[in-house]
Amino acid sequence: MFSNAFKTDKMKTKRVELDVDFIGEQVALKPEDEKAISEFFRQRKLASKKLLRNSKIKKTNQINSTDI
């Protein structure tokens, strides 16, 4: 009954390439928006540094614990 329902060899995908230079409004950001974006990236950077530092500590602890 559903033998042909899942065949992919005859299915075509449609790709539509959009010719878009920008998305959204073209107005300057408000100072509070700029601050919010800067804060977001600062927090993200700190979080990635923290994860990197924690992974290095874990690797060091694993190496040291196997030396015992």
PDB file of N, CA and C in Angstrom:
ATOM      1  N   MET A   1       0.810  -1.188   0.000  1.00  0.00           N
ATOM      2  CA  MET A   1       0.000   0.000   0.000  1.00  0.00           C
ATOM      3  C   MET A   1       0.863   1.267   0.000  1.00  0.00           C
ATOM      4  N   PHE A   2       1.903   1.319   0.879  1.00  0.00           N
ATOM      5  CA  PHE A   2       2.746   2.509   0.976  1.00  0.00           C
ATOM      6  C   PHE A   2       4.102   2.296   0.314  1.00  0.00           C
ATOM      7  N   SER A   3       4.197   1.371  -0.599  1.00  0.00           N
ATOM      8  CA  SER A   3       5.491   1.036  -1.182  1.00  0.00           C
ATOM      9  C   SER A   3       6.143   2.216  -1.906  1.00  0.00           C
ATOM     10  N   ASN A   4       5.384   3.053  -2.545  1.00  0.00           N
ATOM     11  CA  ASN A   4       5.936   4.176  -3.296  1.00  0.00           C
ATOM     12  C   ASN A   4       5.967   5.482  -2.506  1.00  0.00           C
ATOM     13  N   ALA A   5       5.433   5.459  -1.304  1.00  0.00           N
ATOM     14  CA  ALA A   5       5.309   6.697  -0.540  1.00  0.00           C
ATOM     15  C   ALA A   5       6.650   7.250  -0.082  1.00  0.00           C
ATOM     16  N   PHE A   6       7.653   6.369   0.129  1.00  0.00           N
ATOM     17  CA  PHE A   6       8.909   6.833   0.695  1.00  0.00           C
ATOM     18  C   PHE A   6      10.075   6.740  -0.274  1.00  0.00           C
ATOM     19  N   LYS A   7       9.796   6.593  -1.546  1.00  0.00           N
ATOM     20  CA  LYS A   7      10.866   6.553  -2.525  1.00  0.00           C
ATOM     21  C   LYS A   7      11.452   7.953  -2.687  1.00  0.00           C
ATOM     22  N   THR A   8      12.775   8.022  -2.672  1.00  0.00           N
ATOM     23  CA  THR A   8      13.426   9.321  -2.797  1.00  0.00           C
ATOM     24  C   THR A   8      14.081   9.517  -4.147  1.00  0.00           C
ATOM     25  N   ASP A   9      14.198   8.475  -4.946  1.00  0.00           N
ATOM     26  CA  ASP A   9      14.884   8.618  -6.220  1.00  0.00           C
ATOM     27  C   ASP A   9      14.113   9.485  -7.214  1.00  0.00           C
ATOM     28  N   LYS A  10      12.817   9.565  -7.083  1.00  0.00           N
ATOM     29  CA  LYS A  10      12.026  10.381  -8.007  1.00  0.00           C
ATOM     30  C   LYS A  10      11.584  11.700  -7.387  1.00  0.00           C
ATOM     31  N   MET A  11      11.926  11.901  -6.131  1.00  0.00           N
ATOM     32  CA  MET A  11      11.523  13.140  -5.467  1.00  0.00           C
ATOM     33  C   MET A  11      12.496  14.251  -5.843  1.00  0.00           C
ATOM     34  N   LYS A  12      11.982  15.407  -6.023  1.00  0.00           N
ATOM     35  CA  LYS A  12      12.817  16.552  -6.350  1.00  0.00           C
ATOM     36  C   LYS A  12      12.741  17.556  -5.216  1.00  0.00           C
ATOM     37  N   THR A  13      13.850  18.226  -4.988  1.00  0.00           N
ATOM     38  CA  THR A  13      13.848  19.295  -3.995  1.00  0.00           C
ATOM     39  C   THR A  13      13.856  20.622  -4.738  1.00  0.00           C
ATOM     40  N   LYS A  14      13.115  21.536  -4.223  1.00  0.00           N
ATOM     41  CA  LYS A  14      13.064  22.862  -4.821  1.00  0.00           C
ATOM     42  C   LYS A  14      13.922  23.786  -3.973  1.00  0.00           C
ATOM     43  N   ARG A  15      14.841  24.433  -4.607  1.00  0.00           N
ATOM     44  CA  ARG A  15      15.677  25.406  -3.913  1.00  0.00           C
ATOM     45  C   ARG A  15      15.414  26.770  -4.523  1.00  0.00           C
ATOM     46  N   VAL A  16      15.117  27.676  -3.667  1.00  0.00           N
ATOM     47  CA  VAL A  16      14.876  29.032  -4.116  1.00  0.00           C
ATOM     48  C   VAL A  16      15.964  29.892  -3.505  1.00  0.00           C
ATOM     49  N   GLU A  17      16.780  30.463  -4.355  1.00  0.00           N
ATOM     50  CA  GLU A  17      17.846  31.327  -3.870  1.00  0.00           C
ATOM     51  C   GLU A  17      17.304  32.741  -3.736  1.00  0.00           C
ATOM     52  N   LEU A  18      17.400  33.259  -2.532  1.00  0.00           N
ATOM     53  CA  LEU A  18      16.896  34.602  -2.291  1.00  0.00           C
ATOM     54  C   LEU A  18      17.986  35.622  -2.568  1.00  0.00           C
ATOM     55  N   ASP A  19      17.631  36.670  -3.241  1.00  0.00           N
ATOM     56  CA  ASP A  19      18.565  37.751  -3.505  1.00  0.00           C
ATOM     57  C   ASP A  19      18.312  38.845  -2.472  1.00  0.00           C
ATOM     58  N   VAL A  20      18.882  38.635  -1.282  1.00  0.00           N
ATOM     59  CA  VAL A  20      18.619  39.526  -0.165  1.00  0.00           C
ATOM     60  C   VAL A  20      19.942  40.043   0.373  1.00  0.00           C
ATOM     61  N   ASP A  21      20.055  41.343   0.505  1.00  0.00           N
ATOM     62  CA  ASP A  21      21.254  41.941   1.072  1.00  0.00           C
ATOM     63  C   ASP A  21      21.116  42.176   2.568  1.00  0.00           C
ATOM     64  N   PHE A  22      19.901  42.272   3.042  1.00  0.00           N
ATOM     65  CA  PHE A  22      19.671  42.526   4.459  1.00  0.00           C
ATOM     66  C   PHE A  22      18.340  41.941   4.864  1.00  0.00           C
ATOM     67  N   ILE A  23      18.221  41.727   6.164  1.00  0.00           N
ATOM     68  CA  ILE A  23      16.957  41.258   6.726  1.00  0.00           C
ATOM     69  C   ILE A  23      16.585  42.236   7.828  1.00  0.00           C
ATOM     70  N   GLY A  24      15.406  42.751   7.820  1.00  0.00           N
ATOM     71  CA  GLY A  24      14.960  43.675   8.848  1.00  0.00           C
ATOM     72  C   GLY A  24      15.107  45.116   8.420  1.00  0.00           C
ATOM     73  N   GLU A  25      14.944  45.967   9.391  1.00  0.00           N
ATOM     74  CA  GLU A  25      14.994  47.404   9.135  1.00  0.00           C
ATOM     75  C   GLU A  25      16.430  47.873   8.968  1.00  0.00           C
ATOM     76  N   GLN A  26      16.599  48.964   8.288  1.00  0.00           N
ATOM     77  CA  GLN A  26      17.901  49.559   8.082  1.00  0.00           C
ATOM     78  C   GLN A  26      18.022  50.854   8.874  1.00  0.00           C
ATOM     79  N   VAL A  27      17.854  50.749  10.176  1.00  0.00           N
ATOM     80  CA  VAL A  27      17.995  51.910  11.047  1.00  0.00           C
ATOM     81  C   VAL A  27      19.106  51.624  12.045  1.00  0.00           C
ATOM     82  N   ALA A  28      19.662  52.687  12.582  1.00  0.00           N
ATOM     83  CA  ALA A  28      20.725  52.525  13.577  1.00  0.00           C
ATOM     84  C   ALA A  28      20.161  51.917  14.854  1.00  0.00           C
ATOM     85  N   LEU A  29      21.008  51.147  15.529  1.00  0.00           N
ATOM     86  CA  LEU A  29      20.585  50.537  16.791  1.00  0.00           C
ATOM     87  C   LEU A  29      20.506  51.595  17.879  1.00  0.00           C
ATOM     88  N   LYS A  30      19.585  51.386  18.784  1.00  0.00           N
ATOM     89  CA  LYS A  30      19.485  52.254  19.947  1.00  0.00           C
ATOM     90  C   LYS A  30      20.625  51.904  20.897  1.00  0.00           C
ATOM     91  N   PRO A  31      21.059  52.861  21.719  1.00  0.00           N
ATOM     92  CA  PRO A  31      22.162  52.584  22.647  1.00  0.00           C
ATOM     93  C   PRO A  31      21.881  51.388  23.570  1.00  0.00           C
ATOM     94  N   GLU A  32      20.634  51.239  24.019  1.00  0.00           N
ATOM     95  CA  GLU A  32      20.326  50.103  24.895  1.00  0.00           C
ATOM     96  C   GLU A  32      20.376  48.777  24.138  1.00  0.00           C
ATOM     97  N   ASP A  33      20.050  48.806  22.844  1.00  0.00           N
ATOM     98  CA  ASP A  33      20.160  47.600  22.020  1.00  0.00           C
ATOM     99  C   ASP A  33      21.629  47.221  21.820  1.00  0.00           C
ATOM    100  N   GLU A  34      22.451  48.212  21.542  1.00  0.00           N
ATOM    101  CA  GLU A  34      23.888  47.960  21.380  1.00  0.00           C
ATOM    102  C   GLU A  34      24.471  47.377  22.661  1.00  0.00           C
ATOM    103  N   LYS A  35      24.068  47.949  23.795  1.00  0.00           N
ATOM    104  CA  LYS A  35      24.559  47.468  25.085  1.00  0.00           C
ATOM    105  C   LYS A  35      24.107  46.026  25.332  1.00  0.00           C
ATOM    106  N   ALA A  36      22.866  45.718  25.006  1.00  0.00           N
ATOM    107  CA  ALA A  36      22.340  44.367  25.199  1.00  0.00           C
ATOM    108  C   ALA A  36      23.085  43.358  24.327  1.00  0.00           C
ATOM    109  N   ILE A  37      23.361  43.731  23.096  1.00  0.00           N
ATOM    110  CA  ILE A  37      24.095  42.839  22.196  1.00  0.00           C
ATOM    111  C   ILE A  37      25.520  42.636  22.690  1.00  0.00           C
ATOM    112  N   SER A  38      26.163  43.713  23.109  1.00  0.00           N
ATOM    113  CA  SER A  38      27.528  43.612  23.632  1.00  0.00           C
ATOM    114  C   SER A  38      27.575  42.732  24.871  1.00  0.00           C
ATOM    115  N   GLU A  39      26.613  42.896  25.750  1.00  0.00           N
ATOM    116  CA  GLU A  39      26.546  42.089  26.962  1.00  0.00           C
ATOM    117  C   GLU A  39      26.332  40.613  26.628  1.00  0.00           C
ATOM    118  N   PHE A  40      25.475  40.345  25.656  1.00  0.00           N
ATOM    119  CA  PHE A  40      25.221  38.969  25.233  1.00  0.00           C
ATOM    120  C   PHE A  40      26.508  38.306  24.752  1.00  0.00           C
ATOM    121  N   PHE A  41      27.258  38.991  23.885  1.00  0.00           N
ATOM    122  CA  PHE A  41      28.490  38.405  23.369  1.00  0.00           C
ATOM    123  C   PHE A  41      29.563  38.294  24.448  1.00  0.00           C
ATOM    124  N   ARG A  42      29.587  39.239  25.374  1.00  0.00           N
ATOM    125  CA  ARG A  42      30.551  39.162  26.468  1.00  0.00           C
ATOM    126  C   ARG A  42      30.268  37.940  27.341  1.00  0.00           C
ATOM    127  N   GLN A  43      29.001  37.723  27.674  1.00  0.00           N
ATOM    128  CA  GLN A  43      28.620  36.564  28.481  1.00  0.00           C
ATOM    129  C   GLN A  43      28.920  35.264  27.736  1.00  0.00           C
ATOM    130  N   ARG A  44      28.656  35.255  26.460  1.00  0.00           N
ATOM    131  CA  ARG A  44      28.916  34.059  25.658  1.00  0.00           C
ATOM    132  C   ARG A  44      30.409  33.744  25.616  1.00  0.00           C
ATOM    133  N   LYS A  45      31.224  34.785  25.480  1.00  0.00           N
ATOM    134  CA  LYS A  45      32.670  34.607  25.446  1.00  0.00           C
ATOM    135  C   LYS A  45      33.173  34.094  26.791  1.00  0.00           C
ATOM    136  N   LEU A  46      32.666  34.655  27.887  1.00  0.00           N
ATOM    137  CA  LEU A  46      33.064  34.194  29.212  1.00  0.00           C
ATOM    138  C   LEU A  46      32.658  32.746  29.440  1.00  0.00           C
ATOM    139  N   ALA A  47      31.486  32.374  28.988  1.00  0.00           N
ATOM    140  CA  ALA A  47      31.014  30.997  29.159  1.00  0.00           C
ATOM    141  C   ALA A  47      31.893  30.029  28.378  1.00  0.00           C
ATOM    142  N   SER A  48      32.289  30.401  27.164  1.00  0.00           N
ATOM    143  CA  SER A  48      33.132  29.506  26.372  1.00  0.00           C
ATOM    144  C   SER A  48      34.517  29.378  26.992  1.00  0.00           C
ATOM    145  N   LYS A  49      35.042  30.475  27.544  1.00  0.00           N
ATOM    146  CA  LYS A  49      36.335  30.413  28.229  1.00  0.00           C
ATOM    147  C   LYS A  49      36.249  29.522  29.456  1.00  0.00           C
ATOM    148  N   LYS A  50      35.133  29.628  30.182  1.00  0.00           N
ATOM    149  CA  LYS A  50      34.933  28.821  31.373  1.00  0.00           C
ATOM    150  C   LYS A  50      34.870  27.337  31.021  1.00  0.00           C
ATOM    151  N   LEU A  51      34.146  27.008  29.954  1.00  0.00           N
ATOM    152  CA  LEU A  51      34.060  25.613  29.509  1.00  0.00           C
ATOM    153  C   LEU A  51      35.421  25.091  29.080  1.00  0.00           C
ATOM    154  N   LEU A  52      36.177  25.913  28.374  1.00  0.00           N
ATOM    155  CA  LEU A  52      37.505  25.515  27.924  1.00  0.00           C
ATOM    156  C   LEU A  52      38.418  25.285  29.115  1.00  0.00           C
ATOM    157  N   ARG A  53      38.371  26.193  30.084  1.00  0.00           N
ATOM    158  CA  ARG A  53      39.197  26.061  31.277  1.00  0.00           C
ATOM    159  C   ARG A  53      38.814  24.805  32.057  1.00  0.00           C
ATOM    160  N   ASN A  54      37.516  24.552  32.205  1.00  0.00           N
ATOM    161  CA  ASN A  54      37.067  23.371  32.933  1.00  0.00           C
ATOM    162  C   ASN A  54      37.476  22.090  32.229  1.00  0.00           C
ATOM    163  N   SER A  55      37.427  22.074  30.909  1.00  0.00           N
ATOM    164  CA  SER A  55      37.815  20.865  30.186  1.00  0.00           C
ATOM    165  C   SER A  55      39.317  20.621  30.325  1.00  0.00           C
ATOM    166  N   LYS A  56      40.120  21.703  30.348  1.00  0.00           N
ATOM    167  CA  LYS A  56      41.560  21.546  30.547  1.00  0.00           C
ATOM    168  C   LYS A  56      41.853  21.024  31.946  1.00  0.00           C
ATOM    169  N   ILE A  57      41.116  21.512  32.951  1.00  0.00           N
ATOM    170  CA  ILE A  57      41.308  21.053  34.323  1.00  0.00           C
ATOM    171  C   ILE A  57      40.953  19.573  34.432  1.00  0.00           C
ATOM    172  N   LYS A  58      39.861  19.165  33.810  1.00  0.00           N
ATOM    173  CA  LYS A  58      39.455  17.762  33.840  1.00  0.00           C
ATOM    174  C   LYS A  58      40.500  16.879  33.178  1.00  0.00           C
ATOM    175  N   LYS A  59      41.045  17.318  32.041  1.00  0.00           N
ATOM    176  CA  LYS A  59      42.065  16.536  31.365  1.00  0.00           C
ATOM    177  C   LYS A  59      43.316  16.423  32.230  1.00  0.00           C
ATOM    178  N   THR A  60      43.700  17.517  32.883  1.00  0.00           N
ATOM    179  CA  THR A  60      44.873  17.507  33.748  1.00  0.00           C
ATOM    180  C   THR A  60      44.647  16.575  34.922  1.00  0.00           C
ATOM    181  N   ASN A  61      43.461  16.627  35.517  1.00  0.00           N
ATOM    182  CA  ASN A  61      43.142  15.745  36.639  1.00  0.00           C
ATOM    183  C   ASN A  61      43.135  14.293  36.208  1.00  0.00           C
ATOM    184  N   GLN A  62      42.637  14.002  35.012  1.00  0.00           N
ATOM    185  CA  GLN A  62      42.617  12.634  34.516  1.00  0.00           C
ATOM    186  C   GLN A  62      44.035  12.126  34.298  1.00  0.00           C
ATOM    187  N   ILE A  63      44.897  12.968  33.761  1.00  0.00           N
ATOM    188  CA  ILE A  63      46.294  12.576  33.530  1.00  0.00           C
ATOM    189  C   ILE A  63      46.977  12.336  34.870  1.00  0.00           C
ATOM    190  N   ASN A  64      46.779  13.238  35.822  1.00  0.00           N
ATOM    191  CA  ASN A  64      47.418  13.100  37.128  1.00  0.00           C
ATOM    192  C   ASN A  64      46.902  11.894  37.883  1.00  0.00           C
ATOM    193  N   SER A  65      45.628  11.562  37.779  1.00  0.00           N
ATOM    194  CA  SER A  65      45.070  10.430  38.510  1.00  0.00           C
ATOM    195  C   SER A  65      45.540   9.107  37.924  1.00  0.00           C
ATOM    196  N   THR A  66      45.885   9.078  36.652  1.00  0.00           N
ATOM    197  CA  THR A  66      46.378   7.824  36.048  1.00  0.00           C
ATOM    198  C   THR A  66      47.863   7.611  36.358  1.00  0.00           C
ATOM    199  N   ASP A  67      48.567   8.659  36.758  1.00  0.00           N
ATOM    200  CA  ASP A  67      49.990   8.548  37.095  1.00  0.00           C
ATOM    201  C   ASP A  67      50.195   7.924  38.460  1.00  0.00           C
ATOM    202  N   ILE A  68      49.164   7.897  39.299  1.00  0.00           N
ATOM    203  CA  ILE A  68      49.301   7.403  40.673  1.00  0.00           C
ATOM    204  C   ILE A  68      49.509   5.936  40.731  1.00  0.00           C
TER     205      ILE A  68
END
